[in-house]
């Protein structure tokens, strides 16, 4: 599978620790939102308004209790397709 083939409901993994850039409500800038290797599910697909060729994946990652967290906007550099 390629990133271009991802659809809503597909499973992805965090390629690195994903940290808050200050855009997440109820979080502090620099907080870890998803640890490297965390499993997540794609809940929406889009692109950057300023760069229509840059894909953005809205992903909900599992925590240690396997509960899905809040959606996080991710670029393909933030994600892996396999664990």
N, C-alpha and C. Protein backbone atom coordinates (compact mmCIF):
# COMPACT_ATOMS: atom_id res chain seq x y z
N UNK A 1 0.84 -1.18 0.00
CA UNK A 1 0.00 0.00 0.00
C UNK A 1 0.89 1.24 0.00
N UNK A 2 0.41 2.31 -0.65
CA UNK A 2 1.10 3.59 -0.69
C UNK A 2 0.24 4.63 0.01
N UNK A 3 0.85 5.73 0.42
CA UNK A 3 0.10 6.79 1.08
C UNK A 3 -1.04 7.30 0.21
N UNK A 4 -0.82 7.33 -1.10
CA UNK A 4 -1.85 7.79 -2.03
C UNK A 4 -3.08 6.90 -2.02
N UNK A 5 -2.92 5.65 -1.55
CA UNK A 5 -4.02 4.69 -1.53
C UNK A 5 -4.78 4.67 -0.20
N UNK A 6 -4.31 5.43 0.80
CA UNK A 6 -4.96 5.40 2.11
C UNK A 6 -6.40 5.90 2.02
N UNK A 7 -7.25 5.25 2.79
CA UNK A 7 -8.66 5.62 2.88
C UNK A 7 -9.06 5.71 4.34
N UNK A 8 -10.20 6.33 4.59
CA UNK A 8 -10.73 6.41 5.94
C UNK A 8 -10.89 4.99 6.49
N UNK A 9 -10.42 4.77 7.71
CA UNK A 9 -10.50 3.47 8.34
C UNK A 9 -9.21 2.67 8.26
N UNK A 10 -8.26 3.10 7.42
CA UNK A 10 -6.98 2.38 7.31
C UNK A 10 -6.12 2.61 8.55
N UNK A 11 -5.33 1.60 8.89
CA UNK A 11 -4.44 1.65 10.05
C UNK A 11 -3.07 2.18 9.62
N UNK A 12 -2.51 3.09 10.43
CA UNK A 12 -1.17 3.63 10.21
C UNK A 12 -0.45 3.64 11.56
N UNK A 13 0.83 3.98 11.54
CA UNK A 13 1.66 4.01 12.75
C UNK A 13 2.46 5.31 12.79
N UNK A 14 2.69 5.82 13.98
CA UNK A 14 3.50 7.04 14.13
C UNK A 14 4.95 6.72 13.80
N UNK A 15 5.52 7.47 12.86
CA UNK A 15 6.91 7.25 12.44
C UNK A 15 7.90 7.78 13.47
N UNK A 16 7.45 8.69 14.31
CA UNK A 16 8.26 9.30 15.36
C UNK A 16 7.31 9.84 16.41
N UNK A 17 7.82 10.31 17.53
CA UNK A 17 6.95 10.96 18.51
C UNK A 17 6.33 12.18 17.83
N UNK A 18 5.00 12.27 17.89
CA UNK A 18 4.30 13.41 17.31
C UNK A 18 3.98 14.36 18.45
N UNK A 19 4.49 15.59 18.33
CA UNK A 19 4.34 16.57 19.41
C UNK A 19 3.41 17.71 18.99
N UNK A 20 2.79 18.31 19.98
CA UNK A 20 1.87 19.42 19.74
C UNK A 20 2.65 20.64 19.28
N UNK A 21 2.23 21.21 18.17
CA UNK A 21 2.85 22.44 17.66
C UNK A 21 2.13 23.68 18.18
N UNK A 22 1.26 23.47 19.16
CA UNK A 22 0.51 24.57 19.74
C UNK A 22 -0.90 24.68 19.20
N UNK A 23 -1.28 23.77 18.32
CA UNK A 23 -2.60 23.86 17.69
C UNK A 23 -3.66 22.96 18.33
N UNK A 24 -3.28 22.14 19.30
CA UNK A 24 -4.23 21.21 19.92
C UNK A 24 -4.85 21.85 21.16
N UNK A 25 -6.19 21.90 21.19
CA UNK A 25 -6.84 22.43 22.40
C UNK A 25 -6.56 21.52 23.60
N UNK A 26 -6.46 22.09 24.76
CA UNK A 26 -6.25 21.35 26.01
C UNK A 26 -4.90 20.67 26.09
N UNK A 27 -3.96 21.05 25.23
CA UNK A 27 -2.59 20.51 25.28
C UNK A 27 -1.62 21.68 25.31
N UNK A 28 -0.41 21.39 25.75
CA UNK A 28 0.65 22.40 25.78
C UNK A 28 1.58 22.16 24.61
N UNK A 29 2.13 23.22 24.06
CA UNK A 29 3.10 23.09 22.98
C UNK A 29 4.23 22.20 23.45
N UNK A 30 4.57 21.21 22.63
CA UNK A 30 5.63 20.28 22.97
C UNK A 30 5.15 18.98 23.60
N UNK A 31 3.89 18.92 24.02
CA UNK A 31 3.34 17.67 24.58
C UNK A 31 3.38 16.57 23.51
N UNK A 32 3.70 15.36 23.93
CA UNK A 32 3.67 14.23 23.00
C UNK A 32 2.22 13.81 22.80
N UNK A 33 1.78 13.84 21.55
CA UNK A 33 0.41 13.47 21.19
C UNK A 33 0.30 11.99 20.83
N UNK A 34 1.37 11.46 20.24
CA UNK A 34 1.42 10.03 19.88
C UNK A 34 2.88 9.61 19.91
N UNK A 35 3.17 8.52 20.61
CA UNK A 35 4.54 8.03 20.69
C UNK A 35 4.90 7.25 19.44
N UNK A 36 6.18 7.25 19.12
CA UNK A 36 6.68 6.52 17.97
C UNK A 36 6.16 5.08 18.02
N UNK A 37 5.63 4.60 16.91
CA UNK A 37 5.12 3.24 16.82
C UNK A 37 3.67 3.08 17.22
N UNK A 38 3.04 4.15 17.74
CA UNK A 38 1.63 4.06 18.13
C UNK A 38 0.76 3.75 16.91
N UNK A 39 -0.23 2.89 17.14
CA UNK A 39 -1.15 2.53 16.07
C UNK A 39 -2.29 3.54 16.03
N UNK A 40 -2.68 3.91 14.82
CA UNK A 40 -3.78 4.86 14.66
C UNK A 40 -4.66 4.48 13.48
N UNK A 41 -5.78 5.16 13.39
CA UNK A 41 -6.72 4.93 12.30
C UNK A 41 -6.98 6.27 11.61
N UNK A 42 -6.97 6.24 10.28
CA UNK A 42 -7.25 7.44 9.49
C UNK A 42 -8.75 7.74 9.59
N UNK A 43 -9.08 8.97 10.00
CA UNK A 43 -10.49 9.34 10.13
C UNK A 43 -10.92 10.39 9.11
N UNK A 44 -9.95 10.99 8.43
CA UNK A 44 -10.28 11.93 7.36
C UNK A 44 -9.03 12.19 6.53
N UNK A 45 -9.23 12.63 5.31
CA UNK A 45 -8.14 12.93 4.38
C UNK A 45 -8.35 14.33 3.83
N UNK A 46 -7.26 15.02 3.57
CA UNK A 46 -7.36 16.36 2.99
C UNK A 46 -6.03 16.81 2.44
N UNK A 47 -5.86 18.11 2.33
CA UNK A 47 -4.60 18.68 1.84
C UNK A 47 -4.43 20.06 2.45
N UNK A 48 -3.21 20.58 2.37
CA UNK A 48 -2.94 21.92 2.85
C UNK A 48 -3.54 22.92 1.87
N UNK A 49 -4.26 23.90 2.38
CA UNK A 49 -4.91 24.88 1.51
C UNK A 49 -3.88 25.61 0.64
N UNK A 50 -2.74 25.96 1.26
CA UNK A 50 -1.71 26.70 0.53
C UNK A 50 -0.93 25.82 -0.44
N UNK A 51 -0.96 24.51 -0.20
CA UNK A 51 -0.20 23.55 -1.03
C UNK A 51 -1.10 22.36 -1.34
N UNK A 52 -1.96 22.48 -2.34
CA UNK A 52 -2.94 21.43 -2.62
C UNK A 52 -2.35 20.05 -2.92
N UNK A 53 -1.06 19.99 -3.24
CA UNK A 53 -0.44 18.69 -3.50
C UNK A 53 0.09 18.03 -2.24
N UNK A 54 0.02 18.72 -1.09
CA UNK A 54 0.50 18.16 0.17
C UNK A 54 -0.67 17.55 0.94
N UNK A 55 -0.65 16.23 1.05
CA UNK A 55 -1.73 15.50 1.72
C UNK A 55 -1.62 15.65 3.24
N UNK A 56 -2.79 15.74 3.87
CA UNK A 56 -2.89 15.75 5.34
C UNK A 56 -3.83 14.62 5.73
N UNK A 57 -3.41 13.83 6.71
CA UNK A 57 -4.18 12.69 7.19
C UNK A 57 -4.62 13.00 8.62
N UNK A 58 -5.90 12.95 8.88
CA UNK A 58 -6.41 13.13 10.23
C UNK A 58 -6.46 11.75 10.87
N UNK A 59 -5.67 11.56 11.93
CA UNK A 59 -5.47 10.24 12.53
C UNK A 59 -5.80 10.28 14.02
N UNK A 60 -6.48 9.24 14.49
CA UNK A 60 -6.69 9.04 15.93
C UNK A 60 -5.80 7.88 16.36
N UNK A 61 -4.86 8.16 17.25
CA UNK A 61 -3.92 7.16 17.74
C UNK A 61 -4.41 6.53 19.03
N UNK A 62 -4.08 5.26 19.23
CA UNK A 62 -4.41 4.57 20.48
C UNK A 62 -3.43 4.97 21.57
N UNK A 63 -3.92 5.00 22.81
CA UNK A 63 -3.03 5.18 23.95
C UNK A 63 -2.69 3.81 24.54
N UNK A 64 -2.06 3.79 25.70
CA UNK A 64 -1.64 2.52 26.31
C UNK A 64 -2.83 1.62 26.62
N UNK A 65 -4.00 2.21 26.89
CA UNK A 65 -5.20 1.44 27.21
C UNK A 65 -5.99 1.07 25.94
N UNK A 66 -5.39 1.33 24.78
CA UNK A 66 -6.00 1.04 23.47
C UNK A 66 -7.25 1.88 23.20
N UNK A 67 -7.31 3.06 23.83
CA UNK A 67 -8.41 4.00 23.62
C UNK A 67 -7.93 5.03 22.59
N UNK A 68 -8.78 5.31 21.60
CA UNK A 68 -8.42 6.28 20.58
C UNK A 68 -8.43 7.69 21.14
N UNK A 69 -7.39 8.45 20.83
CA UNK A 69 -7.29 9.83 21.27
C UNK A 69 -7.95 10.78 20.29
N UNK A 70 -7.76 12.06 20.53
CA UNK A 70 -8.30 13.09 19.65
C UNK A 70 -7.62 13.03 18.28
N UNK A 71 -8.32 13.45 17.24
CA UNK A 71 -7.72 13.46 15.90
C UNK A 71 -6.53 14.40 15.83
N UNK A 72 -5.51 13.96 15.11
CA UNK A 72 -4.28 14.73 14.92
C UNK A 72 -4.03 14.84 13.43
N UNK A 73 -3.76 16.03 12.95
CA UNK A 73 -3.39 16.23 11.55
C UNK A 73 -1.95 15.81 11.34
N UNK A 74 -1.72 14.89 10.40
CA UNK A 74 -0.38 14.36 10.16
C UNK A 74 -0.02 14.46 8.68
N UNK A 75 1.24 14.71 8.42
CA UNK A 75 1.77 14.62 7.06
C UNK A 75 2.31 13.22 6.86
N UNK A 76 2.57 12.84 5.62
CA UNK A 76 3.04 11.47 5.39
C UNK A 76 4.37 11.21 6.07
N UNK A 77 5.18 12.25 6.31
CA UNK A 77 6.46 12.08 7.01
C UNK A 77 6.26 11.65 8.46
N UNK A 78 5.06 11.89 9.00
CA UNK A 78 4.74 11.55 10.38
C UNK A 78 4.28 10.11 10.53
N UNK A 79 4.01 9.44 9.42
CA UNK A 79 3.36 8.14 9.45
C UNK A 79 4.16 7.05 8.78
N UNK A 80 3.91 5.81 9.23
CA UNK A 80 4.42 4.60 8.56
C UNK A 80 3.20 3.75 8.25
N UNK A 81 3.33 2.95 7.21
CA UNK A 81 2.21 2.09 6.81
C UNK A 81 2.27 0.73 7.47
N UNK A 82 3.42 0.37 8.05
CA UNK A 82 3.58 -0.92 8.75
C UNK A 82 4.25 -0.67 10.09
N UNK A 83 3.97 -1.53 11.03
CA UNK A 83 4.55 -1.41 12.38
C UNK A 83 6.04 -1.64 12.37
